Amino acid sequence: MRRGRLSILRRAALIPPIIVEELKKIIVPGISELQVAKYIKKRIKQLGGKKPSFRVIVASGHRSVKWHGFASKKKIKKGELVMLDFGVILGGYRSDYTRTFVIGKPNQKQKCMLKEVKIAQTKAIAKVKAGVPCSEVDAAARNYLKKKKLAKYFGHTTGHGIGRKTHEAPKVSGDNNNKLKAGMVITIEPGVYIKGIGGVRIEDMVLVKKNGCEILTRLKQ
């Protein structure tokens, strides 16, 4: 990937995390998913983005089990899981980012899901480097969740390439043995979705390097 394009992708990747940090303080019981989506769209433009990469996902409570739970009129309640998944179009390139959190204090089941999905994502990211088959990255997340008896609730791929389009090659899945190449930008986004509890997905964009990877959607402290 040419350096100029990577520079644009880096900028696009940092806008969603900034907005999510703001939303953690703004989302309170009674606000609707559509109101949250409206805020996201407004802030994307204020922060230099053209528009969202795709239809904004804001899924709370029972709706968080939907992989693509686009924002609805539903009002968010205390104690519910809230999944935010959106990206930014900037300079012709796109970003993609997901975070899930609880409004208020999480219960034990929610805590467990949040913890285990995060660990699964960390294990998958640790596998990412040039020359590694996509299937091995997928297996790192899936096998961990299997040990925790959660793999049956993880029904989609671990990630995908991203650039001019939100979904590009390579597909980070168990049946794709193509090897990652340095310069690729992919997402790592394991998820667990349990009816009656809710869904948790955590997604970051990572740059594949010769000896590892760099998380592009990480805000500097």
C-alpha atoms as a PDB file:
ATOM      1  CA  MET A   1       0.000   0.000   0.000  1.00  0.00           C
ATOM      2  CA  ARG A   2       1.390   3.388  -0.955  1.00  0.00           C
ATOM      3  CA  ARG A   3       2.339   5.651   1.940  1.00  0.00           C
ATOM      4  CA  GLY A   4      -0.162   8.393   1.016  1.00  0.00           C
ATOM      5  CA  ARG A   5      -3.074   5.982   1.092  1.00  0.00           C
ATOM      6  CA  LEU A   6      -1.933   4.519   4.388  1.00  0.00           C
ATOM      7  CA  SER A   7      -1.802   8.037   5.822  1.00  0.00           C
ATOM      8  CA  ILE A   8      -5.454   8.573   4.843  1.00  0.00           C
ATOM      9  CA  LEU A   9      -6.464   5.213   6.318  1.00  0.00           C
ATOM     10  CA  ARG A  10      -4.713   6.087   9.572  1.00  0.00           C
ATOM     11  CA  ARG A  11      -6.702   9.322   9.823  1.00  0.00           C
ATOM     12  CA  ALA A  12      -9.976   7.596   8.955  1.00  0.00           C
ATOM     13  CA  ALA A  13      -9.279   4.869  11.522  1.00  0.00           C
ATOM     14  CA  LEU A  14      -8.903   7.312  14.415  1.00  0.00           C
ATOM     15  CA  ILE A  15     -12.207   9.159  13.984  1.00  0.00           C
ATOM     16  CA  PRO A  16     -14.538   6.356  15.229  1.00  0.00           C
ATOM     17  CA  PRO A  17     -12.614   5.748  18.506  1.00  0.00           C
ATOM     18  CA  ILE A  18     -12.784   9.463  19.309  1.00  0.00           C
ATOM     19  CA  ILE A  19     -16.568   9.432  18.819  1.00  0.00           C
ATOM     20  CA  VAL A  20     -17.064   6.257  20.854  1.00  0.00           C
ATOM     21  CA  GLU A  21     -15.173   7.748  23.807  1.00  0.00           C
ATOM     22  CA  GLU A  22     -17.523  10.739  23.651  1.00  0.00           C
ATOM     23  CA  LEU A  23     -20.577   8.487  23.453  1.00  0.00           C
ATOM     24  CA  LYS A  24     -19.626   6.603  26.597  1.00  0.00           C
ATOM     25  CA  LYS A  25     -20.466   9.828  28.456  1.00  0.00           C
ATOM     26  CA  ILE A  26     -23.405  10.871  26.273  1.00  0.00           C
ATOM     27  CA  ILE A  27     -25.393   7.618  26.138  1.00  0.00           C
ATOM     28  CA  VAL A  28     -27.729   7.560  29.125  1.00  0.00           C
ATOM     29  CA  PRO A  29     -30.931   5.636  29.818  1.00  0.00           C
ATOM     30  CA  GLY A  30     -33.772   7.017  27.695  1.00  0.00           C
ATOM     31  CA  ILE A  31     -31.746   8.095  24.674  1.00  0.00           C
ATOM     32  CA  SER A  32     -32.792   6.340  21.471  1.00  0.00           C
ATOM     33  CA  GLU A  33     -30.531   4.387  19.141  1.00  0.00           C
ATOM     34  CA  LEU A  34     -31.470   6.804  16.343  1.00  0.00           C
ATOM     35  CA  GLN A  35     -30.374   9.766  18.462  1.00  0.00           C
ATOM     36  CA  VAL A  36     -27.004   8.089  18.989  1.00  0.00           C
ATOM     37  CA  ALA A  37     -26.674   7.430  15.252  1.00  0.00           C
ATOM     38  CA  LYS A  38     -27.508  11.063  14.526  1.00  0.00           C
ATOM     39  CA  TYR A  39     -24.743  12.173  16.891  1.00  0.00           C
ATOM     40  CA  ILE A  40     -22.281   9.831  15.182  1.00  0.00           C
ATOM     41  CA  LYS A  41     -23.096  11.226  11.727  1.00  0.00           C
ATOM     42  CA  LYS A  42     -22.774  14.811  12.955  1.00  0.00           C
ATOM     43  CA  ARG A  43     -19.422  14.192  14.618  1.00  0.00           C
ATOM     44  CA  ILE A  44     -18.030  12.343  11.597  1.00  0.00           C
ATOM     45  CA  LYS A  45     -18.434  15.505   9.529  1.00  0.00           C
ATOM     46  CA  GLN A  46     -17.131  17.752  12.291  1.00  0.00           C
ATOM     47  CA  LEU A  47     -14.001  15.607  12.564  1.00  0.00           C
ATOM     48  CA  GLY A  48     -13.273  15.757   8.838  1.00  0.00           C
ATOM     49  CA  GLY A  49     -14.993  12.669   7.484  1.00  0.00           C
ATOM     50  CA  LYS A  50     -17.276  12.761   4.451  1.00  0.00           C
ATOM     51  CA  LYS A  51     -19.931  10.394   5.804  1.00  0.00           C
ATOM     52  CA  PRO A  52     -20.229   6.962   7.489  1.00  0.00           C
ATOM     53  CA  SER A  53     -18.640   4.015   5.681  1.00  0.00           C
ATOM     54  CA  PHE A  54     -21.944   2.146   5.935  1.00  0.00           C
ATOM     55  CA  ARG A  55     -25.295   2.407   7.682  1.00  0.00           C
ATOM     56  CA  VAL A  56     -24.567   3.099  11.354  1.00  0.00           C
ATOM     57  CA  ILE A  57     -25.135   0.194  13.732  1.00  0.00           C
ATOM     58  CA  VAL A  58     -26.440   1.061  17.197  1.00  0.00           C
ATOM     59  CA  ALA A  59     -27.921  -2.059  18.796  1.00  0.00           C
ATOM     60  CA  SER A  60     -28.929  -2.214  22.450  1.00  0.00           C
ATOM     61  CA  GLY A  61     -30.408  -4.837  24.734  1.00  0.00           C
ATOM     62  CA  HIS A  62     -32.105  -7.696  22.868  1.00  0.00           C
ATOM     63  CA  ARG A  63     -31.227  -6.034  19.547  1.00  0.00           C
ATOM     64  CA  SER A  64     -27.491  -6.417  20.196  1.00  0.00           C
ATOM     65  CA  VAL A  65     -27.689 -10.062  19.133  1.00  0.00           C
ATOM     66  CA  LYS A  66     -28.187  -8.800  15.563  1.00  0.00           C
ATOM     67  CA  TRP A  67     -24.864  -8.688  13.677  1.00  0.00           C
ATOM     68  CA  HIS A  68     -26.179  -5.739  11.700  1.00  0.00           C
ATOM     69  CA  GLY A  69     -28.487  -4.080  14.191  1.00  0.00           C
ATOM     70  CA  PHE A  70     -28.969  -0.767  12.443  1.00  0.00           C
ATOM     71  CA  ALA A  71     -30.161   2.063  14.692  1.00  0.00           C
ATOM     72  CA  SER A  72     -33.870   1.984  15.519  1.00  0.00           C
ATOM     73  CA  LYS A  73     -36.355   4.013  17.565  1.00  0.00           C
ATOM     74  CA  LYS A  74     -35.680   1.768  20.567  1.00  0.00           C
ATOM     75  CA  LYS A  75     -34.683   3.626  23.716  1.00  0.00           C
ATOM     76  CA  ILE A  76     -31.590   2.432  25.536  1.00  0.00           C
ATOM     77  CA  LYS A  77     -32.117   1.184  29.086  1.00  0.00           C
ATOM     78  CA  LYS A  78     -29.868   0.964  32.126  1.00  0.00           C
ATOM     79  CA  GLY A  79     -28.029  -2.353  32.335  1.00  0.00           C
ATOM     80  CA  GLU A  80     -28.212  -3.076  28.613  1.00  0.00           C
ATOM     81  CA  LEU A  81     -25.366  -3.979  26.312  1.00  0.00           C
ATOM     82  CA  VAL A  82     -24.902  -1.375  23.574  1.00  0.00           C
ATOM     83  CA  MET A  83     -23.057  -2.237  20.380  1.00  0.00           C
ATOM     84  CA  LEU A  84     -21.707   0.605  18.223  1.00  0.00           C
ATOM     85  CA  ASP A  85     -20.337  -0.301  14.778  1.00  0.00           C
ATOM     86  CA  PHE A  86     -19.519   2.369  12.218  1.00  0.00           C
ATOM     87  CA  GLY A  87     -16.761   3.801  10.090  1.00  0.00           C
ATOM     88  CA  VAL A  88     -15.784   6.901   8.173  1.00  0.00           C
ATOM     89  CA  ILE A  89     -15.189   7.703   4.524  1.00  0.00           C
ATOM     90  CA  LEU A  90     -12.220  10.028   4.202  1.00  0.00           C
ATOM     91  CA  GLY A  91     -10.281  10.729   1.015  1.00  0.00           C
ATOM     92  CA  GLY A  92     -11.922   7.792  -0.734  1.00  0.00           C
ATOM     93  CA  TYR A  93     -10.943   5.271   1.946  1.00  0.00           C
ATOM     94  CA  ARG A  94     -12.990   3.716   4.731  1.00  0.00           C
ATOM     95  CA  SER A  95     -12.638   2.733   8.340  1.00  0.00           C
ATOM     96  CA  ASP A  96     -14.578   0.217  10.443  1.00  0.00           C
ATOM     97  CA  TYR A  97     -14.733   0.011  14.238  1.00  0.00           C
ATOM     98  CA  THR A  98     -16.912  -1.717  16.825  1.00  0.00           C
ATOM     99  CA  ARG A  99     -17.159  -1.392  20.567  1.00  0.00           C
ATOM    100  CA  THR A 100     -19.671  -2.871  23.009  1.00  0.00           C
ATOM    101  CA  PHE A 101     -20.278  -1.693  26.552  1.00  0.00           C
ATOM    102  CA  VAL A 102     -22.939  -1.703  29.251  1.00  0.00           C
ATOM    103  CA  ILE A 103     -24.986   1.292  30.361  1.00  0.00           C
ATOM    104  CA  GLY A 104     -24.363   1.209  34.078  1.00  0.00           C
ATOM    105  CA  LYS A 105     -22.847  -1.743  35.908  1.00  0.00           C
ATOM    106  CA  PRO A 106     -22.526  -4.997  33.909  1.00  0.00           C
ATOM    107  CA  ASN A 107     -23.819  -8.217  35.414  1.00  0.00           C
ATOM    108  CA  GLN A 108     -21.640 -11.327  35.645  1.00  0.00           C
ATOM    109  CA  LYS A 109     -22.748 -12.796  32.302  1.00  0.00           C
ATOM    110  CA  GLN A 110     -22.127  -9.494  30.529  1.00  0.00           C
ATOM    111  CA  LYS A 111     -18.727  -9.151  32.214  1.00  0.00           C
ATOM    112  CA  CYS A 112     -17.794 -12.640  31.081  1.00  0.00           C
ATOM    113  CA  MET A 113     -18.802 -11.995  27.467  1.00  0.00           C
ATOM    114  CA  LEU A 114     -16.954  -8.688  27.311  1.00  0.00           C
ATOM    115  CA  LYS A 115     -13.828 -10.238  28.825  1.00  0.00           C
ATOM    116  CA  GLU A 116     -13.747 -13.366  26.664  1.00  0.00           C
ATOM    117  CA  VAL A 117     -14.432 -11.563  23.370  1.00  0.00           C
ATOM    118  CA  LYS A 118     -11.634  -9.116  24.165  1.00  0.00           C
ATOM    119  CA  ILE A 119      -9.210 -11.968  24.880  1.00  0.00           C
ATOM    120  CA  ALA A 120     -10.275 -13.747  21.674  1.00  0.00           C
ATOM    121  CA  GLN A 121      -9.589 -10.569  19.711  1.00  0.00           C
ATOM    122  CA  THR A 122      -6.204 -10.116  21.392  1.00  0.00           C
ATOM    123  CA  LYS A 123      -5.211 -13.683  20.471  1.00  0.00           C
ATOM    124  CA  ALA A 124      -6.227 -13.163  16.841  1.00  0.00           C
ATOM    125  CA  ILE A 125      -4.341  -9.863  16.599  1.00  0.00           C
ATOM    126  CA  ALA A 126      -1.245 -11.544  18.060  1.00  0.00           C
ATOM    127  CA  LYS A 127      -1.327 -13.983  15.108  1.00  0.00           C
ATOM    128  CA  VAL A 128      -1.363 -11.271  12.451  1.00  0.00           C
ATOM    129  CA  LYS A 129       1.829 -10.877  10.429  1.00  0.00           C
ATOM    130  CA  ALA A 130       2.954 -11.287   6.827  1.00  0.00           C
ATOM    131  CA  GLY A 131       3.007 -14.914   5.716  1.00  0.00           C
ATOM    132  CA  VAL A 132       0.371 -16.175   8.158  1.00  0.00           C
ATOM    133  CA  PRO A 133      -2.714 -17.813   6.574  1.00  0.00           C
ATOM    134  CA  CYS A 134      -5.978 -15.986   7.241  1.00  0.00           C
ATOM    135  CA  SER A 135      -7.409 -19.262   8.563  1.00  0.00           C
ATOM    136  CA  GLU A 136      -4.861 -19.277  11.407  1.00  0.00           C
ATOM    137  CA  VAL A 137      -5.912 -15.797  12.519  1.00  0.00           C
ATOM    138  CA  ASP A 138      -9.556 -16.893  12.511  1.00  0.00           C
ATOM    139  CA  ALA A 139      -8.657 -20.055  14.435  1.00  0.00           C
ATOM    140  CA  ALA A 140      -6.859 -18.084  17.144  1.00  0.00           C
ATOM    141  CA  ALA A 141     -10.094 -16.299  18.083  1.00  0.00           C
ATOM    142  CA  ARG A 142     -12.429 -19.214  17.435  1.00  0.00           C
ATOM    143  CA  ASN A 143     -10.397 -21.822  19.327  1.00  0.00           C
ATOM    144  CA  TYR A 144     -10.168 -19.601  22.384  1.00  0.00           C
ATOM    145  CA  LEU A 145     -13.933 -19.087  22.400  1.00  0.00           C
ATOM    146  CA  LYS A 146     -14.367 -22.837  21.932  1.00  0.00           C
ATOM    147  CA  LYS A 147     -12.400 -23.458  25.133  1.00  0.00           C
ATOM    148  CA  LYS A 148     -14.781 -21.106  26.900  1.00  0.00           C
ATOM    149  CA  LYS A 149     -17.797 -22.868  25.348  1.00  0.00           C
ATOM    150  CA  LEU A 150     -18.743 -19.707  23.446  1.00  0.00           C
ATOM    151  CA  ALA A 151     -17.724 -20.620  19.881  1.00  0.00           C
ATOM    152  CA  LYS A 152     -21.252 -21.747  18.986  1.00  0.00           C
ATOM    153  CA  TYR A 153     -22.354 -18.134  19.524  1.00  0.00           C
ATOM    154  CA  PHE A 154     -19.728 -16.785  17.106  1.00  0.00           C
ATOM    155  CA  GLY A 155     -21.291 -17.174  13.669  1.00  0.00           C
ATOM    156  CA  HIS A 156     -19.392 -14.821  11.374  1.00  0.00           C
ATOM    157  CA  THR A 157     -15.824 -14.472  10.136  1.00  0.00           C
ATOM    158  CA  THR A 158     -13.089 -12.949  12.284  1.00  0.00           C
ATOM    159  CA  GLY A 159     -12.443 -10.107   9.869  1.00  0.00           C
ATOM    160  CA  HIS A 160     -11.946  -8.733   6.378  1.00  0.00           C
ATOM    161  CA  GLY A 161      -9.782  -6.452   4.316  1.00  0.00           C
ATOM    162  CA  ILE A 162     -10.689  -2.772   4.177  1.00  0.00           C
ATOM    163  CA  GLY A 163      -9.694   0.137   1.950  1.00  0.00           C
ATOM    164  CA  ARG A 164     -11.661   1.684  -0.887  1.00  0.00           C
ATOM    165  CA  LYS A 165     -14.532  -0.587   0.145  1.00  0.00           C
ATOM    166  CA  THR A 166     -15.629  -1.587   3.618  1.00  0.00           C
ATOM    167  CA  HIS A 167     -15.339  -5.296   2.769  1.00  0.00           C
ATOM    168  CA  GLU A 168     -12.391  -6.269   0.592  1.00  0.00           C
ATOM    169  CA  ALA A 169     -10.081  -9.267   0.278  1.00  0.00           C
ATOM    170  CA  PRO A 170      -8.773 -10.996   2.231  1.00  0.00           C
ATOM    171  CA  LYS A 171     -11.585 -12.645   4.136  1.00  0.00           C
ATOM    172  CA  VAL A 172     -10.255 -13.610   7.567  1.00  0.00           C
ATOM    173  CA  SER A 173     -12.101 -16.895   7.841  1.00  0.00           C
ATOM    174  CA  GLY A 174     -11.489 -20.534   8.624  1.00  0.00           C
ATOM    175  CA  ASP A 175     -11.700 -21.584   4.977  1.00  0.00           C
ATOM    176  CA  ASN A 176      -9.299 -18.983   3.577  1.00  0.00           C
ATOM    177  CA  ASN A 177      -5.730 -20.289   3.557  1.00  0.00           C
ATOM    178  CA  ASN A 178      -4.348 -17.343   1.592  1.00  0.00           C
ATOM    179  CA  LYS A 179      -1.463 -15.700   3.408  1.00  0.00           C
ATOM    180  CA  LEU A 180      -1.453 -12.166   4.737  1.00  0.00           C
ATOM    181  CA  LYS A 181       0.889  -9.721   3.035  1.00  0.00           C
ATOM    182  CA  ALA A 182       2.726  -6.749   4.508  1.00  0.00           C
ATOM    183  CA  GLY A 183       0.784  -3.535   3.843  1.00  0.00           C
ATOM    184  CA  MET A 184      -2.667  -5.121   3.994  1.00  0.00           C
ATOM    185  CA  VAL A 185      -5.175  -3.486   6.327  1.00  0.00           C
ATOM    186  CA  ILE A 186      -7.689  -5.888   7.856  1.00  0.00           C
ATOM    187  CA  THR A 187     -10.261  -5.901  10.634  1.00  0.00           C
ATOM    188  CA  ILE A 188     -10.265  -8.277  13.594  1.00  0.00           C
ATOM    189  CA  GLU A 189     -13.784  -8.526  15.013  1.00  0.00           C
ATOM    190  CA  PRO A 190     -14.817 -11.634  16.956  1.00  0.00           C
ATOM    191  CA  GLY A 191     -18.254 -11.596  18.510  1.00  0.00           C
ATOM    192  CA  VAL A 192     -20.535 -13.572  20.799  1.00  0.00           C
ATOM    193  CA  TYR A 193     -24.319 -13.264  20.502  1.00  0.00           C
ATOM    194  CA  ILE A 194     -26.566 -14.966  23.060  1.00  0.00           C
ATOM    195  CA  LYS A 195     -30.334 -14.529  23.005  1.00  0.00           C
ATOM    196  CA  GLY A 196     -31.620 -13.391  26.360  1.00  0.00           C
ATOM    197  CA  ILE A 197     -28.316 -11.736  27.260  1.00  0.00           C
ATOM    198  CA  GLY A 198     -27.211  -9.760  24.213  1.00  0.00           C
ATOM    199  CA  GLY A 199     -24.310  -9.510  21.818  1.00  0.00           C
ATOM    200  CA  VAL A 200     -20.709  -8.396  22.160  1.00  0.00           C
ATOM    201  CA  ARG A 201     -18.410  -7.563  19.257  1.00  0.00           C
ATOM    202  CA  ILE A 202     -15.041  -5.815  19.434  1.00  0.00           C
ATOM    203  CA  GLU A 203     -13.428  -4.666  16.206  1.00  0.00           C
ATOM    204  CA  ASP A 204     -10.190  -2.938  15.310  1.00  0.00           C
ATOM    205  CA  MET A 205      -8.368  -2.206  12.063  1.00  0.00           C
ATOM    206  CA  VAL A 206      -4.817  -3.535  11.901  1.00  0.00           C
ATOM    207  CA  LEU A 207      -1.951  -2.982   9.474  1.00  0.00           C
ATOM    208  CA  VAL A 208      -0.144  -6.184   8.537  1.00  0.00           C
ATOM    209  CA  LYS A 209       3.633  -5.915   8.897  1.00  0.00           C
ATOM    210  CA  LYS A 210       6.564  -8.213   8.246  1.00  0.00           C
ATOM    211  CA  ASN A 211       6.963  -9.154  11.896  1.00  0.00           C
ATOM    212  CA  GLY A 212       3.541  -8.448  13.340  1.00  0.00           C
ATOM    213  CA  CYS A 213       0.927  -5.752  13.012  1.00  0.00           C
ATOM    214  CA  GLU A 214      -0.096  -2.276  14.115  1.00  0.00           C
ATOM    215  CA  ILE A 215      -3.533  -1.427  15.493  1.00  0.00           C
ATOM    216  CA  LEU A 216      -4.732   1.634  13.573  1.00  0.00           C
ATOM    217  CA  THR A 217      -7.886   2.239  15.634  1.00  0.00           C
ATOM    218  CA  ARG A 218      -6.020   2.779  18.894  1.00  0.00           C
ATOM    219  CA  LEU A 219      -6.028   6.271  20.371  1.00  0.00           C
ATOM    220  CA  LYS A 220      -2.714   7.497  21.727  1.00  0.00           C
ATOM    221  CA  GLN A 221      -2.719   7.990  25.471  1.00  0.00           C
END
